[in-house]
Amino acid sequence: MNYIYDIYLNFNKMYFDFYEWNSSDKIIHTKKVPIIKTNTNDFRAIISHNISIDEDILKILKGKTEIYNKKNKLNCLIITDSKNAFAVKFDNKGISISKSSLLLDDEFDIIQFSIKMKENNFPFKILNKTNYNVATRKQIDEKKYLLNHIHKLSYDTLKYIYYECFDKEEKNIQTILQHLIKEINNDNSAFNSTIYNILKPVSAN
């Protein structure tokens, strides 16, 4: 088993690139993490799906990831195809529960280290597709914020937002809400950002 030492990981339910890490995230400073090299097809399948591994592989990984200043250990693995790299965490049944991107310097070091490694046979079972890379973290946070706050606004504020977004007046509050919520759920990032920039200062008062 090969290991990578002294890297930072940031596990989330959804995979975010390192430049979308937040200061409020529970970033883990690891002492060492097991690493395997796979082919590019397997790499892409694992990063974009929830997977499970068999008991034999889980036994090899179990508790091998050590964390600085922590007694607990993780069932974790760095996966690379010598072009990119990421980390995946498994529960005690061998099911992937979260993934982490890597800091740019850490990923570069891992890729350089892996060039001389041989590809491993890493059997896994695909469970279902994840929402990898469908939206930026900013877009996800804006949508969540809008859906949580749109109902709390006053009638006059809703009319104002509706006019700014659709360039026409509407007096029926239910019609206003229905149209706004429908557009928010369409994941139009430009539309959502427009409402967000109007709504946030208002709701913060």
N, C-alpha and C. Protein backbone atom coordinates (compact mmCIF):
# COMPACT_ATOMS: atom_id res chain seq x y z
N MET A 1 0.85 -1.20 0.00
CA MET A 1 0.00 0.00 0.00
C MET A 1 0.88 1.25 0.00
N ASN A 2 0.64 2.15 -0.93
CA ASN A 2 1.35 3.43 -0.98
C ASN A 2 0.58 4.47 -0.19
N TYR A 3 1.31 5.45 0.35
CA TYR A 3 0.68 6.50 1.16
C TYR A 3 1.15 7.88 0.71
N ILE A 4 0.26 8.85 0.89
CA ILE A 4 0.59 10.26 0.73
C ILE A 4 0.54 10.90 2.11
N TYR A 5 1.50 11.78 2.41
CA TYR A 5 1.62 12.34 3.75
C TYR A 5 1.36 13.85 3.77
N ASP A 6 0.78 14.29 4.88
CA ASP A 6 0.65 15.72 5.19
C ASP A 6 -0.15 16.48 4.13
N ILE A 7 -1.41 16.12 3.96
CA ILE A 7 -2.27 16.84 3.02
C ILE A 7 -3.57 17.25 3.73
N TYR A 8 -4.26 18.20 3.12
CA TYR A 8 -5.53 18.69 3.66
C TYR A 8 -6.70 18.14 2.84
N LEU A 9 -7.76 17.75 3.55
CA LEU A 9 -8.96 17.23 2.90
C LEU A 9 -10.19 17.97 3.41
N ASN A 10 -11.20 18.05 2.55
CA ASN A 10 -12.43 18.77 2.90
C ASN A 10 -13.62 17.98 2.36
N PHE A 11 -14.13 17.05 3.18
CA PHE A 11 -15.21 16.18 2.74
C PHE A 11 -16.56 16.87 2.85
N ASN A 12 -17.33 16.79 1.78
CA ASN A 12 -18.69 17.33 1.74
C ASN A 12 -19.61 16.34 1.05
N LYS A 13 -20.92 16.50 1.29
CA LYS A 13 -21.88 15.62 0.61
C LYS A 13 -21.81 15.80 -0.89
N MET A 14 -21.56 17.04 -1.32
CA MET A 14 -21.34 17.29 -2.74
C MET A 14 -19.87 17.63 -2.96
N TYR A 15 -19.35 17.24 -4.10
CA TYR A 15 -17.95 17.48 -4.41
C TYR A 15 -17.76 18.92 -4.87
N PHE A 16 -16.83 19.62 -4.22
CA PHE A 16 -16.50 20.99 -4.61
C PHE A 16 -15.02 21.08 -4.92
N ASP A 17 -14.67 21.81 -5.96
CA ASP A 17 -13.26 22.06 -6.25
C ASP A 17 -12.64 22.88 -5.12
N PHE A 18 -11.32 22.81 -5.01
CA PHE A 18 -10.64 23.42 -3.87
C PHE A 18 -10.89 24.92 -3.75
N TYR A 19 -11.10 25.61 -4.88
CA TYR A 19 -11.30 27.06 -4.82
C TYR A 19 -12.68 27.43 -4.29
N GLU A 20 -13.55 26.41 -4.05
CA GLU A 20 -14.85 26.66 -3.46
C GLU A 20 -14.91 26.24 -1.99
N TRP A 21 -13.79 25.89 -1.42
CA TRP A 21 -13.77 25.59 0.01
C TRP A 21 -14.11 26.85 0.80
N ASN A 22 -14.86 26.66 1.88
CA ASN A 22 -15.22 27.78 2.77
C ASN A 22 -14.46 27.70 4.07
N SER A 23 -14.28 28.85 4.70
CA SER A 23 -13.58 28.88 5.99
C SER A 23 -14.35 28.14 7.08
N SER A 24 -15.66 27.98 6.88
CA SER A 24 -16.49 27.28 7.86
C SER A 24 -16.46 25.76 7.68
N ASP A 25 -15.85 25.27 6.60
CA ASP A 25 -15.77 23.83 6.38
C ASP A 25 -14.86 23.16 7.42
N LYS A 26 -15.14 21.90 7.67
CA LYS A 26 -14.31 21.12 8.61
C LYS A 26 -13.15 20.50 7.83
N ILE A 27 -12.13 21.30 7.64
CA ILE A 27 -10.97 20.86 6.87
C ILE A 27 -10.08 19.98 7.75
N ILE A 28 -9.66 18.85 7.20
CA ILE A 28 -8.90 17.85 7.95
C ILE A 28 -7.44 17.89 7.49
N HIS A 29 -6.53 17.96 8.47
CA HIS A 29 -5.10 17.88 8.17
C HIS A 29 -4.65 16.45 8.45
N THR A 30 -4.35 15.71 7.40
CA THR A 30 -4.03 14.30 7.56
C THR A 30 -2.52 14.07 7.66
N LYS A 31 -2.16 13.07 8.48
CA LYS A 31 -0.77 12.62 8.56
C LYS A 31 -0.42 11.76 7.35
N LYS A 32 -1.31 10.81 7.05
CA LYS A 32 -1.08 9.96 5.89
C LYS A 32 -2.41 9.42 5.38
N VAL A 33 -2.45 9.17 4.07
CA VAL A 33 -3.65 8.66 3.41
C VAL A 33 -3.22 7.62 2.37
N PRO A 34 -3.87 6.46 2.30
CA PRO A 34 -3.56 5.50 1.25
C PRO A 34 -3.87 6.07 -0.13
N ILE A 35 -3.11 5.64 -1.12
CA ILE A 35 -3.32 6.14 -2.48
C ILE A 35 -3.27 4.97 -3.45
N ILE A 36 -4.16 5.01 -4.45
CA ILE A 36 -4.09 4.05 -5.55
C ILE A 36 -4.14 4.80 -6.87
N LYS A 37 -3.62 4.14 -7.90
CA LYS A 37 -3.66 4.68 -9.24
C LYS A 37 -4.58 3.81 -10.08
N THR A 38 -5.57 4.45 -10.72
CA THR A 38 -6.51 3.73 -11.57
C THR A 38 -6.41 4.24 -13.00
N ASN A 39 -7.10 3.58 -13.89
CA ASN A 39 -7.19 4.11 -15.25
C ASN A 39 -8.19 5.26 -15.26
N THR A 40 -8.15 6.05 -16.32
CA THR A 40 -8.96 7.27 -16.37
C THR A 40 -10.46 6.96 -16.38
N ASN A 41 -10.88 5.88 -17.02
CA ASN A 41 -12.30 5.53 -17.04
C ASN A 41 -12.82 5.23 -15.65
N ASP A 42 -12.06 4.46 -14.87
CA ASP A 42 -12.47 4.16 -13.48
C ASP A 42 -12.44 5.42 -12.63
N PHE A 43 -11.44 6.26 -12.84
CA PHE A 43 -11.34 7.52 -12.10
C PHE A 43 -12.60 8.35 -12.30
N ARG A 44 -13.03 8.50 -13.55
CA ARG A 44 -14.22 9.30 -13.85
C ARG A 44 -15.48 8.67 -13.28
N ALA A 45 -15.55 7.35 -13.32
CA ALA A 45 -16.73 6.66 -12.77
C ALA A 45 -16.84 6.86 -11.26
N ILE A 46 -15.70 6.78 -10.57
CA ILE A 46 -15.72 6.88 -9.11
C ILE A 46 -16.03 8.30 -8.66
N ILE A 47 -15.48 9.31 -9.34
CA ILE A 47 -15.70 10.69 -8.91
C ILE A 47 -17.14 11.14 -9.18
N SER A 48 -17.81 10.51 -10.14
CA SER A 48 -19.15 10.96 -10.51
C SER A 48 -20.26 10.03 -10.03
N HIS A 49 -19.92 9.02 -9.21
CA HIS A 49 -20.92 8.09 -8.71
C HIS A 49 -20.67 7.76 -7.23
N ASN A 50 -21.72 7.37 -6.56
CA ASN A 50 -21.56 6.71 -5.27
C ASN A 50 -21.22 5.26 -5.56
N ILE A 51 -20.25 4.73 -4.82
CA ILE A 51 -19.79 3.37 -5.08
C ILE A 51 -19.73 2.57 -3.79
N SER A 52 -19.56 1.28 -3.93
CA SER A 52 -19.29 0.42 -2.78
C SER A 52 -18.09 -0.46 -3.11
N ILE A 53 -17.34 -0.82 -2.09
CA ILE A 53 -16.19 -1.71 -2.26
C ILE A 53 -16.41 -2.95 -1.42
N ASP A 54 -15.74 -4.03 -1.78
CA ASP A 54 -15.99 -5.27 -1.05
C ASP A 54 -15.24 -5.29 0.28
N GLU A 55 -15.55 -6.28 1.08
CA GLU A 55 -15.03 -6.35 2.45
C GLU A 55 -13.52 -6.47 2.51
N ASP A 56 -12.93 -7.18 1.56
CA ASP A 56 -11.48 -7.37 1.57
C ASP A 56 -10.74 -6.05 1.39
N ILE A 57 -11.23 -5.23 0.46
CA ILE A 57 -10.59 -3.93 0.24
C ILE A 57 -10.83 -3.01 1.43
N LEU A 58 -12.04 -3.06 1.99
CA LEU A 58 -12.34 -2.23 3.15
C LEU A 58 -11.42 -2.55 4.31
N LYS A 59 -11.11 -3.82 4.51
CA LYS A 59 -10.21 -4.23 5.60
C LYS A 59 -8.83 -3.63 5.41
N ILE A 60 -8.38 -3.52 4.15
CA ILE A 60 -7.07 -2.94 3.87
C ILE A 60 -7.06 -1.44 4.19
N LEU A 61 -8.18 -0.76 3.89
CA LEU A 61 -8.25 0.69 4.08
C LEU A 61 -8.58 1.10 5.51
N LYS A 62 -9.26 0.23 6.24
CA LYS A 62 -9.86 0.61 7.51
C LYS A 62 -8.84 1.19 8.49
N GLY A 63 -9.09 2.43 8.86
CA GLY A 63 -8.26 3.09 9.86
C GLY A 63 -6.87 3.49 9.40
N LYS A 64 -6.62 3.40 8.10
CA LYS A 64 -5.27 3.70 7.60
C LYS A 64 -5.03 5.21 7.43
N THR A 65 -6.09 5.99 7.35
CA THR A 65 -5.93 7.45 7.23
C THR A 65 -5.83 8.06 8.62
N GLU A 66 -4.68 8.65 8.92
CA GLU A 66 -4.44 9.24 10.22
C GLU A 66 -4.53 10.76 10.14
N ILE A 67 -5.05 11.35 11.22
CA ILE A 67 -5.29 12.79 11.27
C ILE A 67 -4.44 13.43 12.36
N TYR A 68 -3.87 14.58 12.07
CA TYR A 68 -3.09 15.30 13.08
C TYR A 68 -3.98 15.70 14.26
N ASN A 69 -3.45 15.50 15.46
CA ASN A 69 -4.11 15.90 16.71
C ASN A 69 -5.46 15.23 16.94
N LYS A 70 -5.69 14.08 16.29
CA LYS A 70 -6.92 13.34 16.47
C LYS A 70 -6.61 11.87 16.69
N LYS A 71 -7.37 11.24 17.59
CA LYS A 71 -7.19 9.80 17.81
C LYS A 71 -7.98 8.99 16.79
N ASN A 72 -9.10 9.55 16.30
CA ASN A 72 -9.91 8.79 15.35
C ASN A 72 -9.24 8.72 13.98
N LYS A 73 -9.53 7.65 13.26
CA LYS A 73 -8.98 7.44 11.93
C LYS A 73 -10.12 7.25 10.94
N LEU A 74 -9.81 7.40 9.66
CA LEU A 74 -10.84 7.36 8.62
C LEU A 74 -10.62 6.19 7.67
N ASN A 75 -11.72 5.75 7.06
CA ASN A 75 -11.66 4.82 5.94
C ASN A 75 -11.63 5.67 4.68
N CYS A 76 -10.45 5.98 4.23
CA CYS A 76 -10.29 7.00 3.19
C CYS A 76 -9.25 6.56 2.18
N LEU A 77 -9.35 7.11 0.98
CA LEU A 77 -8.45 6.71 -0.09
C LEU A 77 -8.27 7.86 -1.07
N ILE A 78 -7.03 8.10 -1.47
CA ILE A 78 -6.74 9.03 -2.56
C ILE A 78 -6.74 8.23 -3.86
N ILE A 79 -7.47 8.72 -4.85
CA ILE A 79 -7.53 8.06 -6.16
C ILE A 79 -6.97 9.01 -7.21
N THR A 80 -6.10 8.49 -8.06
CA THR A 80 -5.50 9.31 -9.11
C THR A 80 -5.36 8.51 -10.39
N ASP A 81 -5.36 9.21 -11.51
CA ASP A 81 -5.04 8.58 -12.79
C ASP A 81 -3.78 9.23 -13.38
N SER A 82 -3.02 9.89 -12.49
CA SER A 82 -1.80 10.63 -12.85
C SER A 82 -2.08 11.86 -13.71
N LYS A 83 -3.37 12.24 -13.77
CA LYS A 83 -3.76 13.50 -14.40
C LYS A 83 -4.49 14.38 -13.41
N ASN A 84 -5.29 13.76 -12.58
CA ASN A 84 -6.05 14.43 -11.53
C ASN A 84 -6.08 13.52 -10.31
N ALA A 85 -6.56 14.07 -9.18
CA ALA A 85 -6.64 13.26 -7.96
C ALA A 85 -7.74 13.81 -7.05
N PHE A 86 -8.33 12.94 -6.26
CA PHE A 86 -9.31 13.34 -5.25
C PHE A 86 -9.33 12.28 -4.17
N ALA A 87 -10.03 12.57 -3.07
CA ALA A 87 -10.15 11.62 -1.96
C ALA A 87 -11.59 11.18 -1.82
N VAL A 88 -11.78 9.94 -1.42
CA VAL A 88 -13.12 9.42 -1.17
C VAL A 88 -13.13 8.76 0.21
N LYS A 89 -14.21 9.00 0.96
CA LYS A 89 -14.35 8.44 2.31
C LYS A 89 -15.46 7.40 2.30
N PHE A 90 -15.22 6.27 2.99
CA PHE A 90 -16.17 5.17 3.04
C PHE A 90 -16.68 4.98 4.46
N ASP A 91 -17.92 4.48 4.57
CA ASP A 91 -18.43 4.11 5.89
C ASP A 91 -17.95 2.70 6.23
N ASN A 92 -18.39 2.17 7.35
CA ASN A 92 -17.91 0.86 7.80
C ASN A 92 -18.49 -0.31 7.00
N LYS A 93 -19.38 -0.01 6.05
CA LYS A 93 -19.91 -1.05 5.17
C LYS A 93 -19.27 -1.00 3.78
N GLY A 94 -18.34 -0.04 3.60
CA GLY A 94 -17.67 0.07 2.31
C GLY A 94 -18.39 0.90 1.29
N ILE A 95 -19.34 1.72 1.73
CA ILE A 95 -20.08 2.60 0.83
C ILE A 95 -19.49 4.00 0.87
N SER A 96 -19.25 4.58 -0.28
CA SER A 96 -18.68 5.94 -0.31
C SER A 96 -19.71 6.92 0.22
N ILE A 97 -19.29 7.79 1.13
CA ILE A 97 -20.22 8.72 1.76
C ILE A 97 -19.88 10.18 1.46
N SER A 98 -18.66 10.46 1.05
CA SER A 98 -18.30 11.83 0.68
C SER A 98 -16.98 11.83 -0.07
N LYS A 99 -16.73 12.94 -0.75
CA LYS A 99 -15.50 13.09 -1.51
C LYS A 99 -14.87 14.43 -1.20
N SER A 100 -13.57 14.52 -1.45
CA SER A 100 -12.85 15.78 -1.24
C SER A 100 -11.94 16.06 -2.42
N SER A 101 -11.98 17.30 -2.89
CA SER A 101 -10.96 17.75 -3.82
C SER A 101 -9.68 17.98 -3.02
N LEU A 102 -8.64 18.41 -3.70
CA LEU A 102 -7.34 18.62 -3.05
C LEU A 102 -6.85 20.03 -3.33
N LEU A 103 -6.08 20.55 -2.40
CA LEU A 103 -5.41 21.82 -2.68
C LEU A 103 -4.49 21.65 -3.88
N LEU A 104 -4.29 22.71 -4.62
CA LEU A 104 -3.55 22.63 -5.88
C LEU A 104 -2.16 22.05 -5.70
N ASP A 105 -1.44 22.51 -4.67
CA ASP A 105 -0.09 22.00 -4.43
C ASP A 105 -0.11 20.54 -4.05
N ASP A 106 -1.09 20.15 -3.22
CA ASP A 106 -1.19 18.75 -2.81
C ASP A 106 -1.49 17.85 -4.01
N GLU A 107 -2.41 18.29 -4.87
CA GLU A 107 -2.74 17.48 -6.04
C GLU A 107 -1.55 17.36 -6.97
N PHE A 108 -0.81 18.43 -7.15
CA PHE A 108 0.38 18.39 -8.00
C PHE A 108 1.39 17.38 -7.47
N ASP A 109 1.65 17.41 -6.16
CA ASP A 109 2.59 16.47 -5.56
C ASP A 109 2.13 15.03 -5.72
N ILE A 110 0.82 14.80 -5.54
CA ILE A 110 0.27 13.45 -5.69
C ILE A 110 0.43 12.95 -7.11
N ILE A 111 0.13 13.80 -8.08
CA ILE A 111 0.25 13.41 -9.48
C ILE A 111 1.70 13.06 -9.81
N GLN A 112 2.62 13.88 -9.34
CA GLN A 112 4.04 13.59 -9.59
C GLN A 112 4.46 12.29 -8.95
N PHE A 113 3.99 12.05 -7.73
CA PHE A 113 4.30 10.82 -7.01
C PHE A 113 3.73 9.60 -7.74
N SER A 114 2.54 9.75 -8.32
CA SER A 114 1.84 8.61 -8.90
C SER A 114 2.36 8.21 -10.27
N ILE A 115 3.15 9.06 -10.91
CA ILE A 115 3.63 8.77 -12.26
C ILE A 115 4.39 7.45 -12.31
N LYS A 116 5.15 7.16 -11.24
CA LYS A 116 5.94 5.93 -11.20
C LYS A 116 5.17 4.75 -10.62
N MET A 117 3.92 5.00 -10.19
CA MET A 117 3.11 3.92 -9.64
C MET A 117 2.49 3.08 -10.75
N LYS A 118 2.20 1.83 -10.43
CA LYS A 118 1.48 0.97 -11.36
C LYS A 118 -0.02 1.12 -11.11
N GLU A 119 -0.80 0.97 -12.16
CA GLU A 119 -2.25 0.99 -12.00
C GLU A 119 -2.70 -0.21 -11.17
N ASN A 120 -3.61 0.06 -10.23
CA ASN A 120 -4.14 -0.99 -9.37
C ASN A 120 -5.46 -1.52 -9.89
N ASN A 121 -5.69 -2.79 -9.66
CA ASN A 121 -7.02 -3.34 -9.89
C ASN A 121 -7.87 -2.98 -8.67
N PHE A 122 -8.82 -2.10 -8.87
CA PHE A 122 -9.63 -1.60 -7.77
C PHE A 122 -11.10 -1.90 -8.07
N PRO A 123 -11.57 -3.10 -7.72
CA PRO A 123 -12.96 -3.45 -8.02
C PRO A 123 -13.93 -2.64 -7.17
N PHE A 124 -14.97 -2.15 -7.80
CA PHE A 124 -15.99 -1.39 -7.10
C PHE A 124 -17.32 -1.57 -7.81
N LYS A 125 -18.39 -1.27 -7.11
CA LYS A 125 -19.73 -1.37 -7.67
C LYS A 125 -20.36 0.02 -7.69
N ILE A 126 -20.88 0.43 -8.82
CA ILE A 126 -21.56 1.72 -8.93
C ILE A 126 -22.95 1.61 -8.33
N LEU A 127 -23.28 2.52 -7.42
CA LEU A 127 -24.60 2.52 -6.78
C LEU A 127 -25.54 3.50 -7.46
N ASN A 128 -25.13 4.73 -7.59
CA ASN A 128 -25.94 5.74 -8.27
C ASN A 128 -25.08 6.94 -8.62
N LYS A 129 -25.59 7.75 -9.51
CA LYS A 129 -24.84 8.92 -9.97
C LYS A 129 -24.97 10.04 -8.95
N THR A 130 -23.91 10.78 -8.75
CA THR A 130 -23.93 11.93 -7.85
C THR A 130 -24.14 13.21 -8.66
N ASN A 131 -24.31 14.32 -7.93
CA ASN A 131 -24.50 15.63 -8.57
C ASN A 131 -23.17 16.34 -8.79
N TYR A 132 -22.14 15.58 -9.09
CA TYR A 132 -20.81 16.18 -9.25
C TYR A 132 -20.79 17.24 -10.35
N ASN A 133 -20.35 18.41 -9.95
CA ASN A 133 -20.04 19.49 -10.90
C ASN A 133 -21.25 19.99 -11.70
N VAL A 134 -22.47 19.85 -11.15
CA VAL A 134 -23.63 20.37 -11.86
C VAL A 134 -23.81 21.87 -11.63
N ALA A 135 -23.26 22.38 -10.54
CA ALA A 135 -23.38 23.81 -10.23
C ALA A 135 -22.26 24.19 -9.29
N THR A 136 -21.93 25.48 -9.30
CA THR A 136 -20.92 25.93 -8.36
C THR A 136 -21.52 26.03 -6.97
N ARG A 137 -20.66 26.08 -6.00
CA ARG A 137 -21.14 26.20 -4.62
C ARG A 137 -21.90 27.50 -4.42
N LYS A 138 -21.45 28.55 -5.07
CA LYS A 138 -22.12 29.85 -4.97
C LYS A 138 -23.55 29.75 -5.51
N GLN A 139 -23.72 29.07 -6.64
CA GLN A 139 -25.05 28.92 -7.22
C GLN A 139 -25.97 28.10 -6.31
N ILE A 140 -25.42 27.05 -5.72
CA ILE A 140 -26.21 26.22 -4.81
C ILE A 140 -26.64 27.02 -3.59
N ASP A 141 -25.70 27.79 -3.02
CA ASP A 141 -26.02 28.58 -1.83
C ASP A 141 -27.03 29.68 -2.13
N GLU A 142 -26.91 30.31 -3.31
CA GLU A 142 -27.86 31.36 -3.68
C GLU A 142 -29.28 30.79 -3.84
N LYS A 143 -29.39 29.65 -4.50
CA LYS A 143 -30.70 29.04 -4.68
C LYS A 143 -31.33 28.69 -3.34
N LYS A 144 -30.56 28.09 -2.46
CA LYS A 144 -31.07 27.71 -1.14
C LYS A 144 -31.52 28.94 -0.37
N TYR A 145 -30.72 30.00 -0.42
CA TYR A 145 -31.06 31.25 0.26
C TYR A 145 -32.37 31.82 -0.26
N LEU A 146 -32.52 31.84 -1.58
CA LEU A 146 -33.72 32.41 -2.18
C LEU A 146 -34.97 31.63 -1.78
N LEU A 147 -34.90 30.32 -1.86
CA LEU A 147 -36.08 29.51 -1.53
C LEU A 147 -36.44 29.61 -0.05
N ASN A 148 -35.45 29.87 0.78
CA ASN A 148 -35.71 30.00 2.22
C ASN A 148 -36.27 31.36 2.61
N HIS A 149 -36.03 32.39 1.78
CA HIS A 149 -36.39 33.75 2.17
C HIS A 149 -37.50 34.40 1.34
N ILE A 150 -37.80 33.84 0.17
CA ILE A 150 -38.74 34.50 -0.73
C ILE A 150 -40.13 34.66 -0.10
N HIS A 151 -40.55 33.70 0.72
CA HIS A 151 -41.88 33.76 1.35
C HIS A 151 -41.95 34.78 2.49
N LYS A 152 -40.81 35.22 2.96
CA LYS A 152 -40.77 36.10 4.12
C LYS A 152 -40.84 37.59 3.74
N LEU A 153 -40.83 37.86 2.46
CA LEU A 153 -40.78 39.25 2.01
C LEU A 153 -42.16 39.89 2.01
N SER A 154 -42.16 41.19 2.15
CA SER A 154 -43.42 41.94 2.13
C SER A 154 -43.99 41.97 0.71
N TYR A 155 -45.25 42.30 0.63
CA TYR A 155 -45.94 42.38 -0.65
C TYR A 155 -45.27 43.40 -1.58
N ASP A 156 -44.94 44.58 -1.04
CA ASP A 156 -44.31 45.62 -1.86
C ASP A 156 -42.94 45.19 -2.36
N THR A 157 -42.20 44.49 -1.52
CA THR A 157 -40.87 44.01 -1.93
C THR A 157 -40.98 42.97 -3.02
N LEU A 158 -41.94 42.06 -2.90
CA LEU A 158 -42.14 41.04 -3.93
C LEU A 158 -42.54 41.67 -5.27
N LYS A 159 -43.43 42.67 -5.21
CA LYS A 159 -43.82 43.35 -6.45
C LYS A 159 -42.62 44.02 -7.10
N TYR A 160 -41.77 44.62 -6.28
CA TYR A 160 -40.57 45.29 -6.80
C TYR A 160 -39.63 44.28 -7.46
N ILE A 161 -39.39 43.15 -6.80
CA ILE A 161 -38.51 42.13 -7.35
C ILE A 161 -39.08 41.56 -8.64
N TYR A 162 -40.38 41.33 -8.65
CA TYR A 162 -41.04 40.79 -9.85
C TYR A 162 -40.86 41.74 -11.03
N TYR A 163 -41.06 43.02 -10.79
CA TYR A 163 -40.91 44.02 -11.85
C TYR A 163 -39.46 44.06 -12.36
N GLU A 164 -38.50 44.01 -11.44
CA GLU A 164 -37.09 44.05 -11.82
C GLU A 164 -36.70 42.82 -12.65
N CYS A 165 -37.32 41.68 -12.35
CA CYS A 165 -36.95 40.44 -13.04
C CYS A 165 -37.68 40.25 -14.37
N PHE A 166 -38.96 40.64 -14.41
CA PHE A 166 -39.78 40.37 -15.59
C PHE A 166 -40.16 41.62 -16.37
N ASP A 167 -39.79 42.78 -15.86
CA ASP A 167 -40.06 44.06 -16.52
C ASP A 167 -41.55 44.27 -16.78
N LYS A 168 -42.38 43.84 -15.83
CA LYS A 168 -43.81 44.10 -15.90
C LYS A 168 -44.39 44.03 -14.49
N GLU A 169 -45.54 44.67 -14.30
CA GLU A 169 -46.16 44.70 -12.99
C GLU A 169 -47.12 43.51 -12.82
N GLU A 170 -47.21 43.07 -11.56
CA GLU A 170 -48.15 42.01 -11.20
C GLU A 170 -48.65 42.28 -9.79
N LYS A 171 -49.97 42.26 -9.60
CA LYS A 171 -50.55 42.58 -8.30
C LYS A 171 -50.88 41.34 -7.47
N ASN A 172 -51.13 40.23 -8.12
CA ASN A 172 -51.51 39.01 -7.41
C ASN A 172 -50.28 38.37 -6.77
N ILE A 173 -50.26 38.30 -5.46
CA ILE A 173 -49.07 37.82 -4.76
C ILE A 173 -48.79 36.35 -5.04
N GLN A 174 -49.85 35.54 -5.20
CA GLN A 174 -49.64 34.13 -5.49
C GLN A 174 -49.01 33.94 -6.87
N THR A 175 -49.44 34.74 -7.81
CA THR A 175 -48.84 34.69 -9.15
C THR A 175 -47.38 35.09 -9.10
N ILE A 176 -47.10 36.13 -8.33
CA ILE A 176 -45.71 36.59 -8.17
C ILE A 176 -44.84 35.47 -7.61
N LEU A 177 -45.29 34.87 -6.52
CA LEU A 177 -44.51 33.81 -5.86
C LEU A 177 -44.33 32.61 -6.77
N GLN A 178 -45.40 32.21 -7.44
CA GLN A 178 -45.32 31.04 -8.32
C GLN A 178 -44.31 31.25 -9.43
N HIS A 179 -44.33 32.43 -10.06
CA HIS A 179 -43.39 32.71 -11.15
C HIS A 179 -41.95 32.79 -10.65
N LEU A 180 -41.75 33.46 -9.52
CA LEU A 180 -40.40 33.60 -8.98
C LEU A 180 -39.83 32.24 -8.58
N ILE A 181 -40.61 31.44 -7.87
CA ILE A 181 -40.14 30.14 -7.40
C ILE A 181 -39.87 29.21 -8.58
N LYS A 182 -40.72 29.26 -9.59
CA LYS A 182 -40.50 28.44 -10.78
C LYS A 182 -39.17 28.77 -11.44
N GLU A 183 -38.88 30.06 -11.60
CA GLU A 183 -37.63 30.47 -12.23
C GLU A 183 -36.42 30.14 -11.37
N ILE A 184 -36.56 30.29 -10.06
CA ILE A 184 -35.46 29.93 -9.15
C ILE A 184 -35.12 28.46 -9.29
N ASN A 185 -36.14 27.61 -9.36
CA ASN A 185 -35.93 26.16 -9.47
C ASN A 185 -35.43 25.73 -10.83
N ASN A 186 -35.50 26.63 -11.82
CA ASN A 186 -34.96 26.31 -13.14
C ASN A 186 -33.44 26.38 -13.18
N ASP A 187 -32.84 26.82 -12.06
CA ASP A 187 -31.37 26.90 -11.93
C ASP A 187 -30.73 27.80 -12.97
N ASN A 188 -31.45 28.88 -13.31
CA ASN A 188 -30.86 29.91 -14.17
C ASN A 188 -29.97 30.79 -13.28
N SER A 189 -28.68 30.61 -13.38
CA SER A 189 -27.76 31.26 -12.45
C SER A 189 -27.82 32.79 -12.55
N ALA A 190 -28.01 33.33 -13.78
CA ALA A 190 -28.09 34.78 -13.95
C ALA A 190 -29.34 35.33 -13.28
N PHE A 191 -30.46 34.63 -13.47
CA PHE A 191 -31.73 35.05 -12.86
C PHE A 191 -31.62 35.00 -11.34
N ASN A 192 -31.11 33.89 -10.81
CA ASN A 192 -31.00 33.73 -9.36
C ASN A 192 -30.06 34.75 -8.74
N SER A 193 -28.98 35.05 -9.43
CA SER A 193 -28.04 36.06 -8.91
C SER A 193 -28.68 37.44 -8.86
N THR A 194 -29.52 37.73 -9.87
CA THR A 194 -30.22 39.02 -9.90
C THR A 194 -31.14 39.16 -8.70
N ILE A 195 -31.96 38.13 -8.45
CA ILE A 195 -32.86 38.18 -7.30
C ILE A 195 -32.07 38.21 -5.99
N TYR A 196 -31.03 37.40 -5.92
CA TYR A 196 -30.22 37.33 -4.70
C TYR A 196 -29.65 38.69 -4.35
N ASN A 197 -29.12 39.40 -5.33
CA ASN A 197 -28.52 40.70 -5.08
C ASN A 197 -29.54 41.75 -4.65
N ILE A 198 -30.80 41.57 -5.08
CA ILE A 198 -31.87 42.46 -4.63
C ILE A 198 -32.37 42.06 -3.26
N LEU A 199 -32.57 40.75 -3.09
CA LEU A 199 -33.25 40.23 -1.91
C LEU A 199 -32.40 40.26 -0.65
N LYS A 200 -31.14 39.95 -0.76
CA LYS A 200 -30.32 39.81 0.44
C LYS A 200 -30.23 41.09 1.27
N PRO A 201 -29.97 42.24 0.67
CA PRO A 201 -29.94 43.47 1.49
C PRO A 201 -31.27 43.76 2.15
N VAL A 202 -32.38 43.44 1.45
CA VAL A 202 -33.70 43.70 1.98
C VAL A 202 -33.98 42.81 3.18
N SER A 203 -33.73 41.49 3.02
CA SER A 203 -34.03 40.55 4.09
C SER A 203 -33.10 40.66 5.27
N ALA A 204 -31.93 41.30 5.05
CA ALA A 204 -30.97 41.46 6.15
C ALA A 204 -31.36 42.57 7.09
N ASN A 205 -32.25 43.45 6.66
CA ASN A 205 -32.64 44.59 7.50
C ASN A 205 -33.62 44.16 8.58
